[in-house]
PDB file of N, CA and C in Angstrom:
ATOM      1  N   UNK A   1      -6.054   2.370   1.083  1.00  0.00           N
ATOM      2  CA  UNK A   1      -6.041   0.967   1.443  1.00  0.00           C
ATOM      3  C   UNK A   1      -5.705   0.867   2.919  1.00  0.00           C
ATOM      4  N   UNK A   2      -6.375  -0.010   3.612  1.00  0.00           N
ATOM      5  CA  UNK A   2      -6.083  -0.226   5.019  1.00  0.00           C
ATOM      6  C   UNK A   2      -5.771  -1.715   5.222  1.00  0.00           C
ATOM      7  N   UNK A   3      -4.617  -1.973   5.773  1.00  0.00           N
ATOM      8  CA  UNK A   3      -4.215  -3.355   6.037  1.00  0.00           C
ATOM      9  C   UNK A   3      -4.996  -3.885   7.224  1.00  0.00           C
ATOM     10  N   UNK A   4      -5.258  -5.175   7.236  1.00  0.00           N
ATOM     11  CA  UNK A   4      -6.020  -5.761   8.339  1.00  0.00           C
ATOM     12  C   UNK A   4      -5.278  -5.621   9.666  1.00  0.00           C
ATOM     13  N   UNK A   5      -3.958  -5.567   9.627  1.00  0.00           N
ATOM     14  CA  UNK A   5      -3.182  -5.397  10.859  1.00  0.00           C
ATOM     15  C   UNK A   5      -3.283  -3.984  11.418  1.00  0.00           C
ATOM     16  N   UNK A   6      -3.780  -3.039  10.621  1.00  0.00           N
ATOM     17  CA  UNK A   6      -3.909  -1.645  11.052  1.00  0.00           C
ATOM     18  C   UNK A   6      -5.334  -1.274  11.447  1.00  0.00           C
ATOM     19  N   UNK A   7      -6.226  -2.247  11.529  1.00  0.00           N
ATOM     20  CA  UNK A   7      -7.617  -1.953  11.860  1.00  0.00           C
ATOM     21  C   UNK A   7      -7.837  -1.871  13.366  1.00  0.00           C
ATOM     22  N   UNK A   8      -7.330  -2.834  14.098  1.00  0.00           N
ATOM     23  CA  UNK A   8      -7.542  -2.846  15.541  1.00  0.00           C
ATOM     24  C   UNK A   8      -6.389  -3.546  16.249  1.00  0.00           C
ATOM     25  N   UNK A   9      -6.259  -3.268  17.537  1.00  0.00           N
ATOM     26  CA  UNK A   9      -5.221  -3.925  18.343  1.00  0.00           C
ATOM     27  C   UNK A   9      -5.715  -5.259  18.883  1.00  0.00           C
ATOM     28  N   UNK A  10      -7.021  -5.427  18.900  1.00  0.00           N
ATOM     29  CA  UNK A  10      -7.625  -6.653  19.417  1.00  0.00           C
ATOM     30  C   UNK A  10      -7.604  -7.737  18.351  1.00  0.00           C
ATOM     31  N   UNK A  11      -7.730  -8.960  18.812  1.00  0.00           N
ATOM     32  CA  UNK A  11      -7.852 -10.081  17.888  1.00  0.00           C
ATOM     33  C   UNK A  11      -9.321 -10.183  17.477  1.00  0.00           C
ATOM     34  N   UNK A  12      -9.560 -10.220  16.172  1.00  0.00           N
ATOM     35  CA  UNK A  12     -10.921 -10.218  15.654  1.00  0.00           C
ATOM     36  C   UNK A  12     -11.107 -11.398  14.713  1.00  0.00           C
ATOM     37  N   UNK A  13     -12.246 -12.063  14.881  1.00  0.00           N
ATOM     38  CA  UNK A  13     -12.542 -13.200  14.013  1.00  0.00           C
ATOM     39  C   UNK A  13     -13.123 -12.742  12.677  1.00  0.00           C
ATOM     40  N   UNK A  14     -14.051 -11.774  12.733  1.00  0.00           N
ATOM     41  CA  UNK A  14     -14.693 -11.279  11.517  1.00  0.00           C
ATOM     42  C   UNK A  14     -14.483  -9.774  11.392  1.00  0.00           C
ATOM     43  N   UNK A  15     -13.769  -9.352  10.354  1.00  0.00           N
ATOM     44  CA  UNK A  15     -13.518  -7.932  10.130  1.00  0.00           C
ATOM     45  C   UNK A  15     -14.785  -7.167   9.779  1.00  0.00           C
ATOM     46  N   UNK A  16     -15.760  -7.839   9.225  1.00  0.00           N
ATOM     47  CA  UNK A  16     -17.007  -7.175   8.838  1.00  0.00           C
ATOM     48  C   UNK A  16     -17.749  -6.600  10.037  1.00  0.00           C
ATOM     49  N   UNK A  17     -17.471  -7.116  11.237  1.00  0.00           N
ATOM     50  CA  UNK A  17     -18.107  -6.588  12.436  1.00  0.00           C
ATOM     51  C   UNK A  17     -17.515  -5.234  12.826  1.00  0.00           C
ATOM     52  N   UNK A  18     -16.271  -4.990  12.447  1.00  0.00           N
ATOM     53  CA  UNK A  18     -15.589  -3.745  12.810  1.00  0.00           C
ATOM     54  C   UNK A  18     -15.673  -2.718  11.692  1.00  0.00           C
ATOM     55  N   UNK A  19     -15.448  -3.145  10.471  1.00  0.00           N
ATOM     56  CA  UNK A  19     -15.420  -2.250   9.326  1.00  0.00           C
ATOM     57  C   UNK A  19     -16.653  -2.502   8.469  1.00  0.00           C
ATOM     58  N   UNK A  20     -17.455  -1.452   8.295  1.00  0.00           N
ATOM     59  CA  UNK A  20     -18.657  -1.575   7.484  1.00  0.00           C
ATOM     60  C   UNK A  20     -18.569  -0.615   6.312  1.00  0.00           C
ATOM     61  N   UNK A  21     -19.000  -1.089   5.165  1.00  0.00           N
ATOM     62  CA  UNK A  21     -18.975  -0.274   3.953  1.00  0.00           C
ATOM     63  C   UNK A  21     -19.907   0.920   4.120  1.00  0.00           C
ATOM     64  N   UNK A  22     -19.404   2.110   3.753  1.00  0.00           N
ATOM     65  CA  UNK A  22     -20.198   3.328   3.835  1.00  0.00           C
ATOM     66  C   UNK A  22     -20.096   4.044   5.168  1.00  0.00           C
ATOM     67  N   UNK A  23     -19.504   3.423   6.175  1.00  0.00           N
ATOM     68  CA  UNK A  23     -19.363   4.039   7.491  1.00  0.00           C
ATOM     69  C   UNK A  23     -18.146   4.957   7.493  1.00  0.00           C
ATOM     70  N   UNK A  24     -18.320   6.157   8.029  1.00  0.00           N
ATOM     71  CA  UNK A  24     -17.205   7.100   8.106  1.00  0.00           C
ATOM     72  C   UNK A  24     -16.373   6.799   9.343  1.00  0.00           C
ATOM     73  N   UNK A  25     -15.068   6.716   9.170  1.00  0.00           N
ATOM     74  CA  UNK A  25     -14.142   6.413  10.258  1.00  0.00           C
ATOM     75  C   UNK A  25     -13.019   7.443  10.269  1.00  0.00           C
ATOM     76  N   UNK A  26     -12.449   7.657  11.435  1.00  0.00           N
ATOM     77  CA  UNK A  26     -11.275   8.508  11.556  1.00  0.00           C
ATOM     78  C   UNK A  26     -10.064   7.598  11.405  1.00  0.00           C
ATOM     79  N   UNK A  27      -9.227   7.895  10.400  1.00  0.00           N
ATOM     80  CA  UNK A  27      -8.042   7.098  10.116  1.00  0.00           C
ATOM     81  C   UNK A  27      -6.826   8.005  10.013  1.00  0.00           C
ATOM     82  N   UNK A  28      -5.652   7.441  10.197  1.00  0.00           N
ATOM     83  CA  UNK A  28      -4.404   8.184  10.062  1.00  0.00           C
ATOM     84  C   UNK A  28      -3.711   7.737   8.779  1.00  0.00           C
ATOM     85  N   UNK A  29      -3.157   8.692   8.058  1.00  0.00           N
ATOM     86  CA  UNK A  29      -2.404   8.387   6.843  1.00  0.00           C
ATOM     87  C   UNK A  29      -0.997   7.958   7.245  1.00  0.00           C
ATOM     88  N   UNK A  30      -0.618   6.745   6.833  1.00  0.00           N
ATOM     89  CA  UNK A  30       0.712   6.228   7.135  1.00  0.00           C
ATOM     90  C   UNK A  30       1.709   6.562   6.034  1.00  0.00           C
ATOM     91  N   UNK A  31       1.318   6.269   4.801  1.00  0.00           N
ATOM     92  CA  UNK A  31       2.190   6.501   3.649  1.00  0.00           C
ATOM     93  C   UNK A  31       1.350   6.884   2.443  1.00  0.00           C
ATOM     94  N   UNK A  32       1.961   7.662   1.553  1.00  0.00           N
ATOM     95  CA  UNK A  32       1.330   8.002   0.289  1.00  0.00           C
ATOM     96  C   UNK A  32       2.268   7.560  -0.817  1.00  0.00           C
ATOM     97  N   UNK A  33       1.793   6.663  -1.672  1.00  0.00           N
ATOM     98  CA  UNK A  33       2.569   6.198  -2.819  1.00  0.00           C
ATOM     99  C   UNK A  33       1.957   6.837  -4.056  1.00  0.00           C
ATOM    100  N   UNK A  34       2.524   7.978  -4.450  1.00  0.00           N
ATOM    101  CA  UNK A  34       1.958   8.724  -5.573  1.00  0.00           C
ATOM    102  C   UNK A  34       2.196   8.039  -6.916  1.00  0.00           C
ATOM    103  N   UNK A  35       3.210   7.202  -7.017  1.00  0.00           N
ATOM    104  CA  UNK A  35       3.473   6.529  -8.290  1.00  0.00           C
ATOM    105  C   UNK A  35       2.400   5.486  -8.597  1.00  0.00           C
ATOM    106  N   UNK A  36       1.934   4.759  -7.569  1.00  0.00           N
ATOM    107  CA  UNK A  36       0.899   3.745  -7.786  1.00  0.00           C
ATOM    108  C   UNK A  36      -0.486   4.236  -7.391  1.00  0.00           C
ATOM    109  N   UNK A  37      -0.554   5.410  -6.766  1.00  0.00           N
ATOM    110  CA  UNK A  37      -1.838   5.981  -6.398  1.00  0.00           C
ATOM    111  C   UNK A  37      -2.451   5.375  -5.144  1.00  0.00           C
ATOM    112  N   UNK A  38      -1.616   4.889  -4.235  1.00  0.00           N
ATOM    113  CA  UNK A  38      -2.103   4.287  -2.999  1.00  0.00           C
ATOM    114  C   UNK A  38      -1.906   5.208  -1.810  1.00  0.00           C
ATOM    115  N   UNK A  39      -2.837   5.142  -0.878  1.00  0.00           N
ATOM    116  CA  UNK A  39      -2.705   5.812   0.403  1.00  0.00           C
ATOM    117  C   UNK A  39      -2.897   4.728   1.462  1.00  0.00           C
ATOM    118  N   UNK A  40      -1.874   4.486   2.279  1.00  0.00           N
ATOM    119  CA  UNK A  40      -1.979   3.496   3.344  1.00  0.00           C
ATOM    120  C   UNK A  40      -2.532   4.166   4.591  1.00  0.00           C
ATOM    121  N   UNK A  41      -3.589   3.573   5.147  1.00  0.00           N
ATOM    122  CA  UNK A  41      -4.293   4.149   6.281  1.00  0.00           C
ATOM    123  C   UNK A  41      -4.215   3.236   7.498  1.00  0.00           C
ATOM    124  N   UNK A  42      -4.407   3.826   8.684  1.00  0.00           N
ATOM    125  CA  UNK A  42      -4.406   3.060   9.915  1.00  0.00           C
ATOM    126  C   UNK A  42      -5.516   3.546  10.835  1.00  0.00           C
ATOM    127  N   UNK A  43      -6.308   2.629  11.321  1.00  0.00           N
ATOM    128  CA  UNK A  43      -7.312   2.942  12.327  1.00  0.00           C
ATOM    129  C   UNK A  43      -6.733   2.709  13.719  1.00  0.00           C
ATOM    130  N   UNK A  44      -5.798   1.781  13.790  1.00  0.00           N
ATOM    131  CA  UNK A  44      -5.195   1.378  15.050  1.00  0.00           C
ATOM    132  C   UNK A  44      -4.379   2.501  15.689  1.00  0.00           C
ATOM    133  N   UNK A  45      -3.733   3.330  14.892  1.00  0.00           N
ATOM    134  CA  UNK A  45      -2.845   4.360  15.441  1.00  0.00           C
ATOM    135  C   UNK A  45      -3.574   5.637  15.872  1.00  0.00           C
ATOM    136  N   UNK A  46      -4.885   5.709  15.646  1.00  0.00           N
ATOM    137  CA  UNK A  46      -5.664   6.871  16.072  1.00  0.00           C
ATOM    138  C   UNK A  46      -6.077   6.674  17.530  1.00  0.00           C
ATOM    139  N   UNK A  47      -5.732   7.649  18.365  1.00  0.00           N
ATOM    140  CA  UNK A  47      -6.079   7.561  19.782  1.00  0.00           C
ATOM    141  C   UNK A  47      -7.547   7.941  19.980  1.00  0.00           C
ATOM    142  N   UNK A  48      -8.156   7.369  20.998  1.00  0.00           N
ATOM    143  CA  UNK A  48      -9.580   7.592  21.273  1.00  0.00           C
ATOM    144  C   UNK A  48      -9.875   9.071  21.498  1.00  0.00           C
ATOM    145  N   UNK A  49      -9.002   9.772  22.217  1.00  0.00           N
ATOM    146  CA  UNK A  49      -9.239  11.184  22.514  1.00  0.00           C
ATOM    147  C   UNK A  49      -9.077  12.076  21.268  1.00  0.00           C
ATOM    148  N   UNK A  50      -8.418  11.597  20.255  1.00  0.00           N
ATOM    149  CA  UNK A  50      -8.246  12.368  19.024  1.00  0.00           C
ATOM    150  C   UNK A  50      -9.486  12.329  18.124  1.00  0.00           C
ATOM    151  N   UNK A  51     -10.292  11.296  18.254  1.00  0.00           N
ATOM    152  CA  UNK A  51     -11.414  11.072  17.352  1.00  0.00           C
ATOM    153  C   UNK A  51     -12.388  12.247  17.359  1.00  0.00           C
ATOM    154  N   UNK A  52     -12.779  12.735  18.527  1.00  0.00           N
ATOM    155  CA  UNK A  52     -13.738  13.843  18.601  1.00  0.00           C
ATOM    156  C   UNK A  52     -13.177  15.119  17.992  1.00  0.00           C
ATOM    157  N   UNK A  53     -11.881  15.394  18.223  1.00  0.00           N
ATOM    158  CA  UNK A  53     -11.256  16.577  17.628  1.00  0.00           C
ATOM    159  C   UNK A  53     -11.264  16.490  16.110  1.00  0.00           C
ATOM    160  N   UNK A  54     -10.935  15.324  15.579  1.00  0.00           N
ATOM    161  CA  UNK A  54     -10.923  15.142  14.133  1.00  0.00           C
ATOM    162  C   UNK A  54     -12.326  15.270  13.551  1.00  0.00           C
ATOM    163  N   UNK A  55     -13.312  14.709  14.241  1.00  0.00           N
ATOM    164  CA  UNK A  55     -14.693  14.795  13.750  1.00  0.00           C
ATOM    165  C   UNK A  55     -15.163  16.245  13.730  1.00  0.00           C
ATOM    166  N   UNK A  56     -14.815  17.007  14.773  1.00  0.00           N
ATOM    167  CA  UNK A  56     -15.207  18.422  14.823  1.00  0.00           C
ATOM    168  C   UNK A  56     -14.559  19.201  13.678  1.00  0.00           C
ATOM    169  N   UNK A  57     -13.273  18.966  13.448  1.00  0.00           N
ATOM    170  CA  UNK A  57     -12.565  19.635  12.354  1.00  0.00           C
ATOM    171  C   UNK A  57     -13.170  19.249  11.005  1.00  0.00           C
ATOM    172  N   UNK A  58     -13.526  17.983  10.853  1.00  0.00           N
ATOM    173  CA  UNK A  58     -14.121  17.502   9.612  1.00  0.00           C
ATOM    174  C   UNK A  58     -15.456  18.202   9.343  1.00  0.00           C
ATOM    175  N   UNK A  59     -16.296  18.293  10.360  1.00  0.00           N
ATOM    176  CA  UNK A  59     -17.601  18.930  10.178  1.00  0.00           C
ATOM    177  C   UNK A  59     -17.462  20.424   9.876  1.00  0.00           C
ATOM    178  N   UNK A  60     -16.498  21.079  10.511  1.00  0.00           N
ATOM    179  CA  UNK A  60     -16.240  22.491  10.204  1.00  0.00           C
ATOM    180  C   UNK A  60     -15.789  22.630   8.749  1.00  0.00           C
ATOM    181  N   UNK A  61     -14.921  21.725   8.311  1.00  0.00           N
ATOM    182  CA  UNK A  61     -14.409  21.777   6.938  1.00  0.00           C
ATOM    183  C   UNK A  61     -15.515  21.538   5.923  1.00  0.00           C
ATOM    184  N   UNK A  62     -16.459  20.645   6.240  1.00  0.00           N
ATOM    185  CA  UNK A  62     -17.593  20.418   5.344  1.00  0.00           C
ATOM    186  C   UNK A  62     -18.437  21.679   5.214  1.00  0.00           C
ATOM    187  N   UNK A  63     -18.623  22.410   6.318  1.00  0.00           N
ATOM    188  CA  UNK A  63     -19.405  23.650   6.279  1.00  0.00           C
ATOM    189  C   UNK A  63     -18.687  24.710   5.453  1.00  0.00           C
ATOM    190  N   UNK A  64     -17.358  24.801   5.620  1.00  0.00           N
ATOM    191  CA  UNK A  64     -16.571  25.756   4.829  1.00  0.00           C
ATOM    192  C   UNK A  64     -16.677  25.407   3.352  1.00  0.00           C
ATOM    193  N   UNK A  65     -16.601  24.128   3.014  1.00  0.00           N
ATOM    194  CA  UNK A  65     -16.690  23.710   1.619  1.00  0.00           C
ATOM    195  C   UNK A  65     -18.048  24.084   1.026  1.00  0.00           C
ATOM    196  N   UNK A  66     -19.106  23.918   1.791  1.00  0.00           N
ATOM    197  CA  UNK A  66     -20.437  24.302   1.320  1.00  0.00           C
ATOM    198  C   UNK A  66     -20.513  25.801   1.063  1.00  0.00           C
ATOM    199  N   UNK A  67     -19.958  26.586   1.974  1.00  0.00           N
ATOM    200  CA  UNK A  67     -19.937  28.045   1.810  1.00  0.00           C
ATOM    201  C   UNK A  67     -19.160  28.419   0.552  1.00  0.00           C
ATOM    202  N   UNK A  68     -18.002  27.792   0.365  1.00  0.00           N
ATOM    203  CA  UNK A  68     -17.152  28.111  -0.785  1.00  0.00           C
ATOM    204  C   UNK A  68     -17.819  27.702  -2.097  1.00  0.00           C
ATOM    205  N   UNK A  69     -18.516  26.571  -2.112  1.00  0.00           N
ATOM    206  CA  UNK A  69     -19.217  26.147  -3.330  1.00  0.00           C
ATOM    207  C   UNK A  69     -20.344  27.115  -3.680  1.00  0.00           C
ATOM    208  N   UNK A  70     -21.103  27.541  -2.664  1.00  0.00           N
ATOM    209  CA  UNK A  70     -22.175  28.513  -2.907  1.00  0.00           C
ATOM    210  C   UNK A  70     -21.614  29.841  -3.398  1.00  0.00           C
ATOM    211  N   UNK A  71     -20.487  30.255  -2.834  1.00  0.00           N
ATOM    212  CA  UNK A  71     -19.833  31.486  -3.262  1.00  0.00           C
ATOM    213  C   UNK A  71     -19.371  31.372  -4.711  1.00  0.00           C
ATOM    214  N   UNK A  72     -18.852  30.209  -5.087  1.00  0.00           N
ATOM    215  CA  UNK A  72     -18.411  29.993  -6.468  1.00  0.00           C
ATOM    216  C   UNK A  72     -19.585  30.090  -7.437  1.00  0.00           C
ATOM    217  N   UNK A  73     -20.705  29.543  -7.041  1.00  0.00           N
ATOM    218  CA  UNK A  73     -21.895  29.593  -7.907  1.00  0.00           C
ATOM    219  C   UNK A  73     -22.395  31.030  -8.052  1.00  0.00           C
ATOM    220  N   UNK A  74     -22.462  31.751  -6.934  1.00  0.00           N
ATOM    221  CA  UNK A  74     -23.010  33.110  -6.968  1.00  0.00           C
ATOM    222  C   UNK A  74     -22.093  34.117  -7.642  1.00  0.00           C
ATOM    223  N   UNK A  75     -20.772  33.921  -7.528  1.00  0.00           N
ATOM    224  CA  UNK A  75     -19.833  34.883  -8.109  1.00  0.00           C
ATOM    225  C   UNK A  75     -19.343  34.472  -9.491  1.00  0.00           C
ATOM    226  N   UNK A  76     -19.499  33.204  -9.834  1.00  0.00           N
ATOM    227  CA  UNK A  76     -19.006  32.718 -11.122  1.00  0.00           C
ATOM    228  C   UNK A  76     -17.504  32.483 -11.138  1.00  0.00           C
ATOM    229  N   UNK A  77     -16.888  32.512  -9.972  1.00  0.00           N
ATOM    230  CA  UNK A  77     -15.435  32.264  -9.871  1.00  0.00           C
ATOM    231  C   UNK A  77     -15.179  30.769  -9.751  1.00  0.00           C
ATOM    232  N   UNK A  78     -13.966  30.374 -10.109  1.00  0.00           N
ATOM    233  CA  UNK A  78     -13.549  28.982  -9.951  1.00  0.00           C
ATOM    234  C   UNK A  78     -13.408  28.670  -8.465  1.00  0.00           C
ATOM    235  N   UNK A  79     -13.831  27.471  -8.068  1.00  0.00           N
ATOM    236  CA  UNK A  79     -13.748  27.052  -6.671  1.00  0.00           C
ATOM    237  C   UNK A  79     -12.295  27.034  -6.191  1.00  0.00           C
ATOM    238  N   UNK A  80     -11.407  26.552  -7.027  1.00  0.00           N
ATOM    239  CA  UNK A  80      -9.983  26.495  -6.663  1.00  0.00           C
ATOM    240  C   UNK A  80      -9.424  27.900  -6.415  1.00  0.00           C
ATOM    241  N   UNK A  81      -9.822  28.850  -7.247  1.00  0.00           N
ATOM    242  CA  UNK A  81      -9.364  30.228  -7.080  1.00  0.00           C
ATOM    243  C   UNK A  81      -9.857  30.791  -5.751  1.00  0.00           C
ATOM    244  N   UNK A  82     -11.121  30.520  -5.410  1.00  0.00           N
ATOM    245  CA  UNK A  82     -11.680  31.007  -4.155  1.00  0.00           C
ATOM    246  C   UNK A  82     -10.946  30.420  -2.954  1.00  0.00           C
ATOM    247  N   UNK A  83     -10.628  29.135  -3.015  1.00  0.00           N
ATOM    248  CA  UNK A  83      -9.875  28.523  -1.918  1.00  0.00           C
ATOM    249  C   UNK A  83      -8.499  29.168  -1.773  1.00  0.00           C
ATOM    250  N   UNK A  84      -7.802  29.350  -2.892  1.00  0.00           N
ATOM    251  CA  UNK A  84      -6.451  29.920  -2.840  1.00  0.00           C
ATOM    252  C   UNK A  84      -6.449  31.351  -2.337  1.00  0.00           C
ATOM    253  N   UNK A  85      -7.454  32.120  -2.691  1.00  0.00           N
ATOM    254  CA  UNK A  85      -7.459  33.537  -2.354  1.00  0.00           C
ATOM    255  C   UNK A  85      -8.273  33.900  -1.119  1.00  0.00           C
ATOM    256  N   UNK A  86      -9.166  33.022  -0.680  1.00  0.00           N
ATOM    257  CA  UNK A  86      -9.988  33.338   0.492  1.00  0.00           C
ATOM    258  C   UNK A  86      -9.788  32.317   1.615  1.00  0.00           C
ATOM    259  N   UNK A  87     -10.091  31.058   1.335  1.00  0.00           N
ATOM    260  CA  UNK A  87     -10.118  30.046   2.401  1.00  0.00           C
ATOM    261  C   UNK A  87      -8.740  29.760   2.994  1.00  0.00           C
ATOM    262  N   UNK A  88      -7.745  29.469   2.152  1.00  0.00           N
ATOM    263  CA  UNK A  88      -6.430  29.102   2.699  1.00  0.00           C
ATOM    264  C   UNK A  88      -5.808  30.244   3.504  1.00  0.00           C
ATOM    265  N   UNK A  89      -5.899  31.504   3.073  1.00  0.00           N
ATOM    266  CA  UNK A  89      -5.402  32.585   3.941  1.00  0.00           C
ATOM    267  C   UNK A  89      -6.143  32.666   5.278  1.00  0.00           C
ATOM    268  N   UNK A  90      -7.456  32.364   5.279  1.00  0.00           N
ATOM    269  CA  UNK A  90      -8.208  32.375   6.533  1.00  0.00           C
ATOM    270  C   UNK A  90      -7.748  31.259   7.464  1.00  0.00           C
ATOM    271  N   UNK A  91      -7.393  30.126   6.906  1.00  0.00           N
ATOM    272  CA  UNK A  91      -6.854  29.034   7.726  1.00  0.00           C
ATOM    273  C   UNK A  91      -5.560  29.473   8.405  1.00  0.00           C
ATOM    274  N   UNK A  92      -4.730  30.207   7.671  1.00  0.00           N
ATOM    275  CA  UNK A  92      -3.442  30.661   8.230  1.00  0.00           C
ATOM    276  C   UNK A  92      -3.637  31.688   9.336  1.00  0.00           C
ATOM    277  N   UNK A  93      -4.593  32.593   9.165  1.00  0.00           N
ATOM    278  CA  UNK A  93      -4.759  33.667  10.146  1.00  0.00           C
ATOM    279  C   UNK A  93      -5.651  33.293  11.323  1.00  0.00           C
ATOM    280  N   UNK A  94      -6.629  32.407  11.110  1.00  0.00           N
ATOM    281  CA  UNK A  94      -7.595  32.084  12.158  1.00  0.00           C
ATOM    282  C   UNK A  94      -7.526  30.639  12.653  1.00  0.00           C
ATOM    283  N   UNK A  95      -6.641  29.846  12.101  1.00  0.00           N
ATOM    284  CA  UNK A  95      -6.569  28.445  12.499  1.00  0.00           C
ATOM    285  C   UNK A  95      -7.533  27.568  11.716  1.00  0.00           C
ATOM    286  N   UNK A  96      -8.710  28.080  11.435  1.00  0.00           N
ATOM    287  CA  UNK A  96      -9.699  27.381  10.615  1.00  0.00           C
ATOM    288  C   UNK A  96     -10.586  28.440   9.970  1.00  0.00           C
ATOM    289  N   UNK A  97     -10.895  28.270   8.709  1.00  0.00           N
ATOM    290  CA  UNK A  97     -11.715  29.245   7.981  1.00  0.00           C
ATOM    291  C   UNK A  97     -13.109  29.362   8.597  1.00  0.00           C
ATOM    292  N   UNK A  98     -13.613  28.281   9.193  1.00  0.00           N
ATOM    293  CA  UNK A  98     -14.926  28.309   9.827  1.00  0.00           C
ATOM    294  C   UNK A  98     -14.961  29.340  10.957  1.00  0.00           C
ATOM    295  N   UNK A  99     -13.875  29.427  11.722  1.00  0.00           N
ATOM    296  CA  UNK A  99     -13.792  30.404  12.816  1.00  0.00           C
ATOM    297  C   UNK A  99     -13.826  31.830  12.260  1.00  0.00           C
ATOM    298  N   UNK A 100     -13.183  32.057  11.130  1.00  0.00           N
ATOM    299  CA  UNK A 100     -13.189  33.382  10.496  1.00  0.00           C
ATOM    300  C   UNK A 100     -14.596  33.731  10.020  1.00  0.00           C
ATOM    301  N   UNK A 101     -15.301  32.762   9.438  1.00  0.00           N
ATOM    302  CA  UNK A 101     -16.672  33.010   8.992  1.00  0.00           C
ATOM    303  C   UNK A 101     -17.584  33.309  10.173  1.00  0.00           C
ATOM    304  N   UNK A 102     -17.389  32.612  11.293  1.00  0.00           N
ATOM    305  CA  UNK A 102     -18.187  32.891  12.494  1.00  0.00           C
ATOM    306  C   UNK A 102     -17.941  34.309  12.994  1.00  0.00           C
ATOM    307  N   UNK A 103     -16.676  34.744  12.961  1.00  0.00           N
ATOM    308  CA  UNK A 103     -16.347  36.109  13.382  1.00  0.00           C
ATOM    309  C   UNK A 103     -17.030  37.144  12.495  1.00  0.00           C
ATOM    310  N   UNK A 104     -17.083  36.871  11.199  1.00  0.00           N
ATOM    311  CA  UNK A 104     -17.732  37.795  10.268  1.00  0.00           C
ATOM    312  C   UNK A 104     -19.213  37.946  10.555  1.00  0.00           C
ATOM    313  N   UNK A 105     -19.838  36.895  11.054  1.00  0.00           N
ATOM    314  CA  UNK A 105     -21.268  36.954  11.344  1.00  0.00           C
ATOM    315  C   UNK A 105     -21.589  37.724  12.614  1.00  0.00           C
ATOM    316  N   UNK A 106     -20.605  37.932  13.476  1.00  0.00           N
ATOM    317  CA  UNK A 106     -20.848  38.638  14.742  1.00  0.00           C
ATOM    318  C   UNK A 106     -21.014  40.118  14.541  1.00  0.00           C
TER     319      UNK A 106
END
């Protein structure tokens, strides 16, 4: 959930001009309420220079997820098991599993 006060710092007459359904946005997690299942998000607190870094990390993560899903299909292993035993250790050692996969291809 994103509060209207967390969308922008500017005064806006119509929120539909800023927020469009189906559009991907970079947001910051403010709070997680696990009892009610809510995640409070903020667009306002994300700095402009952070957006490109987050988008790059997101795209790398999508590529890693695709690799892991294909690996799960080909090996017959559970996706969760593959993440725990392959991907998460690569994140710890290389900063991002995508970087480790790139190194393997060299």
